[in-house]
Amino acid sequence: MDLRPGYRVTVTNSSDPDWWKGKCGTRSGYFPAKYLLKLQKYQRVYQVTHTMNLTEIDGHGGMRLHKDQIVLGVGEPIEEDATSTVIHVKAANNKEAMCPAQFLTEV
């Protein structure tokens, strides 16, 4: 089955550790198990709307997000003031940063 970043898949068979079967919309089929990330109830999936550099949560170096990149939102958005909201995001490389909500679109 052809999968793209941000697709939501319902896994119907995960008995093989390498190849799972699932449904995505009206399509179903097999795909590599490593292509999926299981979401927790408090997590959301976002697509980045602009390329930007952010400071990592732990303060060690920077984190670059690219336009159209898919990131995982961890926790609820935080209002910094009346006009600014940030979201704690985590990239596929496990780096984490606070990203302005205006540069993310939920998928």
PDB file of N, CA and C in Angstrom:
ATOM      1  N   MET A   1       0.851  -1.173   0.000  1.00  0.00           N
ATOM      2  CA  MET A   1       0.000   0.000   0.000  1.00  0.00           C
ATOM      3  C   MET A   1       0.895   1.234   0.000  1.00  0.00           C
ATOM      4  N   ASP A   2       0.545   2.207  -0.804  1.00  0.00           N
ATOM      5  CA  ASP A   2       1.295   3.459  -0.891  1.00  0.00           C
ATOM      6  C   ASP A   2       0.905   4.360   0.279  1.00  0.00           C
ATOM      7  N   LEU A   3       1.884   4.767   1.074  1.00  0.00           N
ATOM      8  CA  LEU A   3       1.638   5.657   2.210  1.00  0.00           C
ATOM      9  C   LEU A   3       2.464   6.926   2.054  1.00  0.00           C
ATOM     10  N   ARG A   4       1.912   8.025   2.509  1.00  0.00           N
ATOM     11  CA  ARG A   4       2.590   9.314   2.497  1.00  0.00           C
ATOM     12  C   ARG A   4       2.657   9.841   3.925  1.00  0.00           C
ATOM     13  N   PRO A   5       3.639  10.698   4.223  1.00  0.00           N
ATOM     14  CA  PRO A   5       3.717  11.279   5.566  1.00  0.00           C
ATOM     15  C   PRO A   5       2.412  11.979   5.943  1.00  0.00           C
ATOM     16  N   GLY A   6       1.948  11.705   7.148  1.00  0.00           N
ATOM     17  CA  GLY A   6       0.733  12.321   7.650  1.00  0.00           C
ATOM     18  C   GLY A   6      -0.517  11.495   7.463  1.00  0.00           C
ATOM     19  N   TYR A   7      -0.459  10.416   6.649  1.00  0.00           N
ATOM     20  CA  TYR A   7      -1.631   9.558   6.470  1.00  0.00           C
ATOM     21  C   TYR A   7      -1.976   8.882   7.790  1.00  0.00           C
ATOM     22  N   ARG A   8      -3.252   8.727   8.040  1.00  0.00           N
ATOM     23  CA  ARG A   8      -3.724   7.996   9.217  1.00  0.00           C
ATOM     24  C   ARG A   8      -4.140   6.609   8.770  1.00  0.00           C
ATOM     25  N   VAL A   9      -3.559   5.610   9.419  1.00  0.00           N
ATOM     26  CA  VAL A   9      -3.770   4.221   9.029  1.00  0.00           C
ATOM     27  C   VAL A   9      -4.351   3.444  10.198  1.00  0.00           C
ATOM     28  N   THR A  10      -5.338   2.609   9.910  1.00  0.00           N
ATOM     29  CA  THR A  10      -5.867   1.686  10.908  1.00  0.00           C
ATOM     30  C   THR A  10      -5.203   0.337  10.658  1.00  0.00           C
ATOM     31  N   VAL A  11      -4.431  -0.146  11.617  1.00  0.00           N
ATOM     32  CA  VAL A  11      -3.742  -1.426  11.476  1.00  0.00           C
ATOM     33  C   VAL A  11      -4.742  -2.550  11.731  1.00  0.00           C
ATOM     34  N   THR A  12      -4.848  -3.466  10.771  1.00  0.00           N
ATOM     35  CA  THR A  12      -5.768  -4.590  10.906  1.00  0.00           C
ATOM     36  C   THR A  12      -5.057  -5.901  11.222  1.00  0.00           C
ATOM     37  N   ASN A  13      -3.740  -5.960  10.972  1.00  0.00           N
ATOM     38  CA  ASN A  13      -2.979  -7.174  11.299  1.00  0.00           C
ATOM     39  C   ASN A  13      -1.521  -6.788  11.510  1.00  0.00           C
ATOM     40  N   SER A  14      -1.026  -7.002  12.726  1.00  0.00           N
ATOM     41  CA  SER A  14       0.374  -6.694  13.042  1.00  0.00           C
ATOM     42  C   SER A  14       1.113  -7.936  13.532  1.00  0.00           C
ATOM     43  N   SER A  15       0.664  -9.112  13.105  1.00  0.00           N
ATOM     44  CA  SER A  15       1.280 -10.356  13.582  1.00  0.00           C
ATOM     45  C   SER A  15       2.703 -10.543  13.051  1.00  0.00           C
ATOM     46  N   ASP A  16       3.017 -10.016  11.864  1.00  0.00           N
ATOM     47  CA  ASP A  16       4.375 -10.062  11.329  1.00  0.00           C
ATOM     48  C   ASP A  16       5.094  -8.809  11.836  1.00  0.00           C
ATOM     49  N   PRO A  17       6.270  -8.937  12.451  1.00  0.00           N
ATOM     50  CA  PRO A  17       6.950  -7.763  12.995  1.00  0.00           C
ATOM     51  C   PRO A  17       7.453  -6.777  11.928  1.00  0.00           C
ATOM     52  N   ASP A  18       7.590  -7.224  10.686  1.00  0.00           N
ATOM     53  CA  ASP A  18       8.135  -6.376   9.632  1.00  0.00           C
ATOM     54  C   ASP A  18       7.085  -5.794   8.680  1.00  0.00           C
ATOM     55  N   TRP A  19       6.051  -6.556   8.381  1.00  0.00           N
ATOM     56  CA  TRP A  19       5.017  -6.128   7.426  1.00  0.00           C
ATOM     57  C   TRP A  19       3.652  -6.192   8.077  1.00  0.00           C
ATOM     58  N   TRP A  20       2.985  -5.050   8.127  1.00  0.00           N
ATOM     59  CA  TRP A  20       1.647  -4.977   8.711  1.00  0.00           C
ATOM     60  C   TRP A  20       0.618  -4.795   7.607  1.00  0.00           C
ATOM     61  N   LYS A  21      -0.636  -5.122   7.939  1.00  0.00           N
ATOM     62  CA  LYS A  21      -1.746  -4.894   7.032  1.00  0.00           C
ATOM     63  C   LYS A  21      -2.623  -3.815   7.653  1.00  0.00           C
ATOM     64  N   GLY A  22      -3.154  -2.929   6.818  1.00  0.00           N
ATOM     65  CA  GLY A  22      -3.995  -1.877   7.357  1.00  0.00           C
ATOM     66  C   GLY A  22      -4.877  -1.234   6.323  1.00  0.00           C
ATOM     67  N   LYS A  23      -5.678  -0.269   6.801  1.00  0.00           N
ATOM     68  CA  LYS A  23      -6.593   0.492   5.943  1.00  0.00           C
ATOM     69  C   LYS A  23      -6.265   1.969   6.060  1.00  0.00           C
ATOM     70  N   CYS A  24      -6.359   2.639   4.935  1.00  0.00           N
ATOM     71  CA  CYS A  24      -6.181   4.088   4.888  1.00  0.00           C
ATOM     72  C   CYS A  24      -7.239   4.617   3.925  1.00  0.00           C
ATOM     73  N   GLY A  25      -8.276   5.228   4.471  1.00  0.00           N
ATOM     74  CA  GLY A  25      -9.397   5.655   3.639  1.00  0.00           C
ATOM     75  C   GLY A  25     -10.101   4.435   3.067  1.00  0.00           C
ATOM     76  N   THR A  26     -10.211   4.355   1.756  1.00  0.00           N
ATOM     77  CA  THR A  26     -10.868   3.217   1.104  1.00  0.00           C
ATOM     78  C   THR A  26      -9.868   2.150   0.669  1.00  0.00           C
ATOM     79  N   ARG A  27      -8.592   2.414   0.856  1.00  0.00           N
ATOM     80  CA  ARG A  27      -7.550   1.467   0.429  1.00  0.00           C
ATOM     81  C   ARG A  27      -7.115   0.574   1.575  1.00  0.00           C
ATOM     82  N   SER A  28      -6.679  -0.624   1.247  1.00  0.00           N
ATOM     83  CA  SER A  28      -6.094  -1.509   2.254  1.00  0.00           C
ATOM     84  C   SER A  28      -4.942  -2.270   1.609  1.00  0.00           C
ATOM     85  N   GLY A  29      -4.013  -2.728   2.453  1.00  0.00           N
ATOM     86  CA  GLY A  29      -2.879  -3.468   1.932  1.00  0.00           C
ATOM     87  C   GLY A  29      -1.779  -3.599   2.968  1.00  0.00           C
ATOM     88  N   TYR A  30      -0.626  -4.100   2.515  1.00  0.00           N
ATOM     89  CA  TYR A  30       0.524  -4.324   3.378  1.00  0.00           C
ATOM     90  C   TYR A  30       1.536  -3.192   3.209  1.00  0.00           C
ATOM     91  N   PHE A  31       2.304  -2.942   4.270  1.00  0.00           N
ATOM     92  CA  PHE A  31       3.314  -1.888   4.272  1.00  0.00           C
ATOM     93  C   PHE A  31       4.339  -2.216   5.343  1.00  0.00           C
ATOM     94  N   PRO A  32       5.564  -1.663   5.238  1.00  0.00           N
ATOM     95  CA  PRO A  32       6.575  -1.901   6.271  1.00  0.00           C
ATOM     96  C   PRO A  32       6.114  -1.343   7.619  1.00  0.00           C
ATOM     97  N   ALA A  33       6.219  -2.129   8.664  1.00  0.00           N
ATOM     98  CA  ALA A  33       5.787  -1.712  10.004  1.00  0.00           C
ATOM     99  C   ALA A  33       6.513  -0.457  10.474  1.00  0.00           C
ATOM    100  N   LYS A  34       7.766  -0.295  10.057  1.00  0.00           N
ATOM    101  CA  LYS A  34       8.542   0.867  10.516  1.00  0.00           C
ATOM    102  C   LYS A  34       8.044   2.180   9.920  1.00  0.00           C
ATOM    103  N   TYR A  35       7.111   2.134   8.968  1.00  0.00           N
ATOM    104  CA  TYR A  35       6.554   3.347   8.369  1.00  0.00           C
ATOM    105  C   TYR A  35       5.562   4.054   9.277  1.00  0.00           C
ATOM    106  N   LEU A  36       5.099   3.380  10.329  1.00  0.00           N
ATOM    107  CA  LEU A  36       4.067   3.959  11.179  1.00  0.00           C
ATOM    108  C   LEU A  36       4.596   4.328  12.553  1.00  0.00           C
ATOM    109  N   LEU A  37       3.928   5.299  13.127  1.00  0.00           N
ATOM    110  CA  LEU A  37       4.187   5.716  14.496  1.00  0.00           C
ATOM    111  C   LEU A  37       2.844   5.694  15.211  1.00  0.00           C
ATOM    112  N   LYS A  38       2.755   4.956  16.285  1.00  0.00           N
ATOM    113  CA  LYS A  38       1.506   4.885  17.030  1.00  0.00           C
ATOM    114  C   LYS A  38       1.322   6.171  17.829  1.00  0.00           C
ATOM    115  N   LEU A  39       0.161   6.783  17.663  1.00  0.00           N
ATOM    116  CA  LEU A  39      -0.139   8.026  18.369  1.00  0.00           C
ATOM    117  C   LEU A  39      -0.785   7.739  19.709  1.00  0.00           C
ATOM    118  N   GLN A  40      -0.411   8.526  20.694  1.00  0.00           N
ATOM    119  CA  GLN A  40      -1.070   8.495  21.990  1.00  0.00           C
ATOM    120  C   GLN A  40      -2.248   9.462  21.927  1.00  0.00           C
ATOM    121  N   LYS A  41      -3.178   9.364  22.852  1.00  0.00           N
ATOM    122  CA  LYS A  41      -4.375  10.204  22.825  1.00  0.00           C
ATOM    123  C   LYS A  41      -4.051  11.694  22.855  1.00  0.00           C
ATOM    124  N   TYR A  42      -2.989  12.075  23.518  1.00  0.00           N
ATOM    125  CA  TYR A  42      -2.649  13.487  23.672  1.00  0.00           C
ATOM    126  C   TYR A  42      -1.791  14.019  22.523  1.00  0.00           C
ATOM    127  N   GLN A  43      -1.449  13.197  21.545  1.00  0.00           N
ATOM    128  CA  GLN A  43      -0.570  13.621  20.462  1.00  0.00           C
ATOM    129  C   GLN A  43      -1.366  13.991  19.210  1.00  0.00           C
ATOM    130  N   ARG A  44      -0.841  14.967  18.481  1.00  0.00           N
ATOM    131  CA  ARG A  44      -1.447  15.403  17.219  1.00  0.00           C
ATOM    132  C   ARG A  44      -0.369  15.413  16.142  1.00  0.00           C
ATOM    133  N   VAL A  45      -0.811  15.332  14.891  1.00  0.00           N
ATOM    134  CA  VAL A  45       0.110  15.343  13.756  1.00  0.00           C
ATOM    135  C   VAL A  45      -0.036  16.673  13.029  1.00  0.00           C
ATOM    136  N   TYR A  46       1.112  17.307  12.744  1.00  0.00           N
ATOM    137  CA  TYR A  46       1.122  18.606  12.083  1.00  0.00           C
ATOM    138  C   TYR A  46       2.021  18.572  10.858  1.00  0.00           C
ATOM    139  N   GLN A  47       1.704  19.444   9.889  1.00  0.00           N
ATOM    140  CA  GLN A  47       2.565  19.674   8.743  1.00  0.00           C
ATOM    141  C   GLN A  47       3.108  21.090   8.872  1.00  0.00           C
ATOM    142  N   VAL A  48       4.413  21.240   8.669  1.00  0.00           N
ATOM    143  CA  VAL A  48       5.087  22.533   8.781  1.00  0.00           C
ATOM    144  C   VAL A  48       4.793  23.354   7.522  1.00  0.00           C
ATOM    145  N   THR A  49       4.423  24.626   7.687  1.00  0.00           N
ATOM    146  CA  THR A  49       4.059  25.465   6.541  1.00  0.00           C
ATOM    147  C   THR A  49       5.201  26.338   6.019  1.00  0.00           C
ATOM    148  N   HIS A  50       6.258  26.532   6.821  1.00  0.00           N
ATOM    149  CA  HIS A  50       7.413  27.339   6.413  1.00  0.00           C
ATOM    150  C   HIS A  50       8.689  26.707   6.972  1.00  0.00           C
ATOM    151  N   THR A  51       9.770  26.743   6.205  1.00  0.00           N
ATOM    152  CA  THR A  51      11.057  26.278   6.707  1.00  0.00           C
ATOM    153  C   THR A  51      11.538  27.244   7.782  1.00  0.00           C
ATOM    154  N   MET A  52      12.056  26.703   8.892  1.00  0.00           N
ATOM    155  CA  MET A  52      12.512  27.565   9.992  1.00  0.00           C
ATOM    156  C   MET A  52      13.533  26.845  10.868  1.00  0.00           C
ATOM    157  N   ASN A  53      14.278  27.632  11.629  1.00  0.00           N
ATOM    158  CA  ASN A  53      15.209  27.109  12.623  1.00  0.00           C
ATOM    159  C   ASN A  53      14.633  27.386  14.006  1.00  0.00           C
ATOM    160  N   LEU A  54      14.679  26.375  14.877  1.00  0.00           N
ATOM    161  CA  LEU A  54      14.176  26.504  16.243  1.00  0.00           C
ATOM    162  C   LEU A  54      15.256  26.063  17.213  1.00  0.00           C
ATOM    163  N   THR A  55      15.132  26.452  18.460  1.00  0.00           N
ATOM    164  CA  THR A  55      16.032  25.993  19.510  1.00  0.00           C
ATOM    165  C   THR A  55      15.441  24.732  20.118  1.00  0.00           C
ATOM    166  N   GLU A  56      16.269  23.696  20.247  1.00  0.00           N
ATOM    167  CA  GLU A  56      15.787  22.449  20.841  1.00  0.00           C
ATOM    168  C   GLU A  56      15.349  22.663  22.284  1.00  0.00           C
ATOM    169  N   ILE A  57      14.448  21.819  22.745  1.00  0.00           N
ATOM    170  CA  ILE A  57      13.918  21.893  24.108  1.00  0.00           C
ATOM    171  C   ILE A  57      15.041  21.788  25.140  1.00  0.00           C
ATOM    172  N   ASP A  58      15.970  20.868  24.917  1.00  0.00           N
ATOM    173  CA  ASP A  58      17.034  20.679  25.909  1.00  0.00           C
ATOM    174  C   ASP A  58      18.126  21.738  25.813  1.00  0.00           C
ATOM    175  N   GLY A  59      17.997  22.659  24.836  1.00  0.00           N
ATOM    176  CA  GLY A  59      18.959  23.753  24.708  1.00  0.00           C
ATOM    177  C   GLY A  59      20.260  23.380  24.031  1.00  0.00           C
ATOM    178  N   HIS A  60      20.377  22.151  23.552  1.00  0.00           N
ATOM    179  CA  HIS A  60      21.602  21.710  22.874  1.00  0.00           C
ATOM    180  C   HIS A  60      21.441  21.845  21.372  1.00  0.00           C
ATOM    181  N   GLY A  61      21.830  22.995  20.838  1.00  0.00           N
ATOM    182  CA  GLY A  61      21.815  23.179  19.400  1.00  0.00           C
ATOM    183  C   GLY A  61      20.452  23.547  18.851  1.00  0.00           C
ATOM    184  N   GLY A  62      20.380  23.525  17.543  1.00  0.00           N
ATOM    185  CA  GLY A  62      19.154  23.927  16.879  1.00  0.00           C
ATOM    186  C   GLY A  62      18.430  22.776  16.226  1.00  0.00           C
ATOM    187  N   MET A  63      17.245  23.094  15.785  1.00  0.00           N
ATOM    188  CA  MET A  63      16.410  22.118  15.101  1.00  0.00           C
ATOM    189  C   MET A  63      15.853  22.816  13.875  1.00  0.00           C
ATOM    190  N   ARG A  64      16.053  22.244  12.711  1.00  0.00           N
ATOM    191  CA  ARG A  64      15.548  22.842  11.471  1.00  0.00           C
ATOM    192  C   ARG A  64      14.313  22.056  11.040  1.00  0.00           C
ATOM    193  N   LEU A  65      13.233  22.793  10.820  1.00  0.00           N
ATOM    194  CA  LEU A  65      12.019  22.208  10.274  1.00  0.00           C
ATOM    195  C   LEU A  65      11.869  22.698   8.844  1.00  0.00           C
ATOM    196  N   HIS A  66      11.459  21.804   7.960  1.00  0.00           N
ATOM    197  CA  HIS A  66      11.321  22.129   6.547  1.00  0.00           C
ATOM    198  C   HIS A  66       9.855  22.211   6.148  1.00  0.00           C
ATOM    199  N   LYS A  67       9.563  23.076   5.183  1.00  0.00           N
ATOM    200  CA  LYS A  67       8.204  23.199   4.675  1.00  0.00           C
ATOM    201  C   LYS A  67       7.686  21.814   4.267  1.00  0.00           C
ATOM    202  N   ASP A  68       6.467  21.501   4.660  1.00  0.00           N
ATOM    203  CA  ASP A  68       5.763  20.241   4.375  1.00  0.00           C
ATOM    204  C   ASP A  68       6.232  19.063   5.231  1.00  0.00           C
ATOM    205  N   GLN A  69       7.219  19.270   6.111  1.00  0.00           N
ATOM    206  CA  GLN A  69       7.657  18.210   7.021  1.00  0.00           C
ATOM    207  C   GLN A  69       6.514  17.864   7.974  1.00  0.00           C
ATOM    208  N   ILE A  70       6.434  16.598   8.355  1.00  0.00           N
ATOM    209  CA  ILE A  70       5.436  16.139   9.312  1.00  0.00           C
ATOM    210  C   ILE A  70       6.101  16.035  10.686  1.00  0.00           C
ATOM    211  N   VAL A  71       5.465  16.615  11.700  1.00  0.00           N
ATOM    212  CA  VAL A  71       5.966  16.549  13.077  1.00  0.00           C
ATOM    213  C   VAL A  71       4.831  16.117  14.000  1.00  0.00           C
ATOM    214  N   LEU A  72       5.206  15.647  15.153  1.00  0.00           N
ATOM    215  CA  LEU A  72       4.259  15.194  16.158  1.00  0.00           C
ATOM    216  C   LEU A  72       4.111  16.265  17.226  1.00  0.00           C
ATOM    217  N   GLY A  73       2.884  16.657  17.499  1.00  0.00           N
ATOM    218  CA  GLY A  73       2.615  17.615  18.566  1.00  0.00           C
ATOM    219  C   GLY A  73       2.447  16.872  19.874  1.00  0.00           C
ATOM    220  N   VAL A  74       3.208  17.270  20.877  1.00  0.00           N
ATOM    221  CA  VAL A  74       3.182  16.599  22.176  1.00  0.00           C
ATOM    222  C   VAL A  74       2.530  17.539  23.185  1.00  0.00           C
ATOM    223  N   GLY A  75       1.399  17.159  23.721  1.00  0.00           N
ATOM    224  CA  GLY A  75       0.710  18.010  24.688  1.00  0.00           C
ATOM    225  C   GLY A  75      -0.175  19.038  24.017  1.00  0.00           C
ATOM    226  N   GLU A  76      -0.751  19.887  24.824  1.00  0.00           N
ATOM    227  CA  GLU A  76      -1.666  20.920  24.340  1.00  0.00           C
ATOM    228  C   GLU A  76      -0.897  22.170  23.932  1.00  0.00           C
ATOM    229  N   PRO A  77      -1.430  22.943  22.961  1.00  0.00           N
ATOM    230  CA  PRO A  77      -0.808  24.225  22.606  1.00  0.00           C
ATOM    231  C   PRO A  77      -0.741  25.149  23.830  1.00  0.00           C
ATOM    232  N   ILE A  78       0.288  25.986  23.874  1.00  0.00           N
ATOM    233  CA  ILE A  78       0.505  26.887  25.003  1.00  0.00           C
ATOM    234  C   ILE A  78       0.370  28.323  24.515  1.00  0.00           C
ATOM    235  N   GLU A  79      -0.519  29.084  25.131  1.00  0.00           N
ATOM    236  CA  GLU A  79      -0.663  30.502  24.792  1.00  0.00           C
ATOM    237  C   GLU A  79       0.388  31.282  25.563  1.00  0.00           C
ATOM    238  N   GLU A  80       1.317  31.909  24.826  1.00  0.00           N
ATOM    239  CA  GLU A  80       2.351  32.724  25.467  1.00  0.00           C
ATOM    240  C   GLU A  80       1.812  34.088  25.840  1.00  0.00           C
ATOM    241  N   ASP A  81       0.976  34.637  24.975  1.00  0.00           N
ATOM    242  CA  ASP A  81       0.281  35.899  25.247  1.00  0.00           C
ATOM    243  C   ASP A  81      -0.965  35.926  24.361  1.00  0.00           C
ATOM    244  N   ALA A  82      -1.648  37.051  24.294  1.00  0.00           N
ATOM    245  CA  ALA A  82      -2.913  37.135  23.560  1.00  0.00           C
ATOM    246  C   ALA A  82      -2.774  36.879  22.060  1.00  0.00           C
ATOM    247  N   THR A  83      -1.570  37.049  21.512  1.00  0.00           N
ATOM    248  CA  THR A  83      -1.384  36.901  20.068  1.00  0.00           C
ATOM    249  C   THR A  83      -0.434  35.785  19.673  1.00  0.00           C
ATOM    250  N   SER A  84       0.108  35.049  20.634  1.00  0.00           N
ATOM    251  CA  SER A  84       1.138  34.059  20.326  1.00  0.00           C
ATOM    252  C   SER A  84       0.883  32.726  21.029  1.00  0.00           C
ATOM    253  N   THR A  85       0.815  31.655  20.224  1.00  0.00           N
ATOM    254  CA  THR A  85       0.650  30.300  20.751  1.00  0.00           C
ATOM    255  C   THR A  85       1.785  29.442  20.213  1.00  0.00           C
ATOM    256  N   VAL A  86       2.349  28.581  21.058  1.00  0.00           N
ATOM    257  CA  VAL A  86       3.413  27.663  20.640  1.00  0.00           C
ATOM    258  C   VAL A  86       2.971  26.219  20.902  1.00  0.00           C
ATOM    259  N   ILE A  87       3.562  25.314  20.121  1.00  0.00           N
ATOM    260  CA  ILE A  87       3.260  23.894  20.249  1.00  0.00           C
ATOM    261  C   ILE A  87       4.569  23.135  20.409  1.00  0.00           C
ATOM    262  N   HIS A  88       4.619  22.255  21.389  1.00  0.00           N
ATOM    263  CA  HIS A  88       5.774  21.380  21.608  1.00  0.00           C
ATOM    264  C   HIS A  88       5.731  20.315  20.511  1.00  0.00           C
ATOM    265  N   VAL A  89       6.743  20.317  19.629  1.00  0.00           N
ATOM    266  CA  VAL A  89       6.775  19.367  18.513  1.00  0.00           C
ATOM    267  C   VAL A  89       7.978  18.437  18.625  1.00  0.00           C
ATOM    268  N   LYS A  90       7.809  17.267  18.038  1.00  0.00           N
ATOM    269  CA  LYS A  90       8.869  16.259  18.004  1.00  0.00           C
ATOM    270  C   LYS A  90       9.007  15.777  16.566  1.00  0.00           C
ATOM    271  N   ALA A  91      10.241  15.793  16.046  1.00  0.00           N
ATOM    272  CA  ALA A  91      10.514  15.359  14.675  1.00  0.00           C
ATOM    273  C   ALA A  91      10.861  13.874  14.659  1.00  0.00           C
ATOM    274  N   ALA A  92      10.949  13.316  13.461  1.00  0.00           N
ATOM    275  CA  ALA A  92      11.257  11.891  13.302  1.00  0.00           C
ATOM    276  C   ALA A  92      12.617  11.528  13.891  1.00  0.00           C
ATOM    277  N   ASN A  93      13.547  12.493  13.969  1.00  0.00           N
ATOM    278  CA  ASN A  93      14.874  12.230  14.540  1.00  0.00           C
ATOM    279  C   ASN A  93      14.880  12.392  16.064  1.00  0.00           C
ATOM    280  N   ASN A  94      13.684  12.515  16.659  1.00  0.00           N
ATOM    281  CA  ASN A  94      13.469  12.645  18.109  1.00  0.00           C
ATOM    282  C   ASN A  94      13.898  13.978  18.691  1.00  0.00           C
ATOM    283  N   LYS A  95      14.282  14.949  17.864  1.00  0.00           N
ATOM    284  CA  LYS A  95      14.566  16.287  18.374  1.00  0.00           C
ATOM    285  C   LYS A  95      13.235  16.959  18.695  1.00  0.00           C
ATOM    286  N   GLU A  96      13.247  17.795  19.742  1.00  0.00           N
ATOM    287  CA  GLU A  96      12.034  18.466  20.189  1.00  0.00           C
ATOM    288  C   GLU A  96      12.275  19.958  20.326  1.00  0.00           C
ATOM    289  N   ALA A  97      11.221  20.730  20.031  1.00  0.00           N
ATOM    290  CA  ALA A  97      11.313  22.193  20.138  1.00  0.00           C
ATOM    291  C   ALA A  97       9.914  22.765  20.324  1.00  0.00           C
ATOM    292  N   MET A  98       9.861  24.031  20.675  1.00  0.00           N
ATOM    293  CA  MET A  98       8.608  24.762  20.740  1.00  0.00           C
ATOM    294  C   MET A  98       8.479  25.524  19.421  1.00  0.00           C
ATOM    295  N   CYS A  99       7.368  25.320  18.720  1.00  0.00           N
ATOM    296  CA  CYS A  99       7.165  25.929  17.398  1.00  0.00           C
ATOM    297  C   CYS A  99       5.948  26.847  17.447  1.00  0.00           C
ATOM    298  N   PRO A 100       6.046  28.036  16.859  1.00  0.00           N
ATOM    299  CA  PRO A 100       4.873  28.910  16.784  1.00  0.00           C
ATOM    300  C   PRO A 100       3.744  28.203  16.034  1.00  0.00           C
ATOM    301  N   ALA A 101       2.552  28.208  16.599  1.00  0.00           N
ATOM    302  CA  ALA A 101       1.412  27.500  16.023  1.00  0.00           C
ATOM    303  C   ALA A 101       1.048  28.012  14.642  1.00  0.00           C
ATOM    304  N   GLN A 102       1.345  29.253  14.346  1.00  0.00           N
ATOM    305  CA  GLN A 102       0.987  29.823  13.048  1.00  0.00           C
ATOM    306  C   GLN A 102       1.723  29.153  11.885  1.00  0.00           C
ATOM    307  N   PHE A 103       2.793  28.391  12.180  1.00  0.00           N
ATOM    308  CA  PHE A 103       3.563  27.713  11.134  1.00  0.00           C
ATOM    309  C   PHE A 103       3.251  26.223  11.047  1.00  0.00           C
ATOM    310  N   LEU A 104       2.155  25.794  11.671  1.00  0.00           N
ATOM    311  CA  LEU A 104       1.764  24.375  11.661  1.00  0.00           C
ATOM    312  C   LEU A 104       0.304  24.250  11.224  1.00  0.00           C
ATOM    313  N   THR A 105       0.029  23.185  10.477  1.00  0.00           N
ATOM    314  CA  THR A 105      -1.332  22.843  10.091  1.00  0.00           C
ATOM    315  C   THR A 105      -1.588  21.410  10.546  1.00  0.00           C
ATOM    316  N   GLU A 106      -2.671  21.206  11.281  1.00  0.00           N
ATOM    317  CA  GLU A 106      -2.981  19.846  11.749  1.00  0.00           C
ATOM    318  C   GLU A 106      -3.458  18.985  10.577  1.00  0.00           C
ATOM    319  N   VAL A 107      -2.928  17.772  10.495  1.00  0.00           N
ATOM    320  CA  VAL A 107      -3.350  16.827   9.439  1.00  0.00           C
ATOM    321  C   VAL A 107      -4.086  15.647  10.047  1.00  0.00           C
TER     322      VAL A 107
END
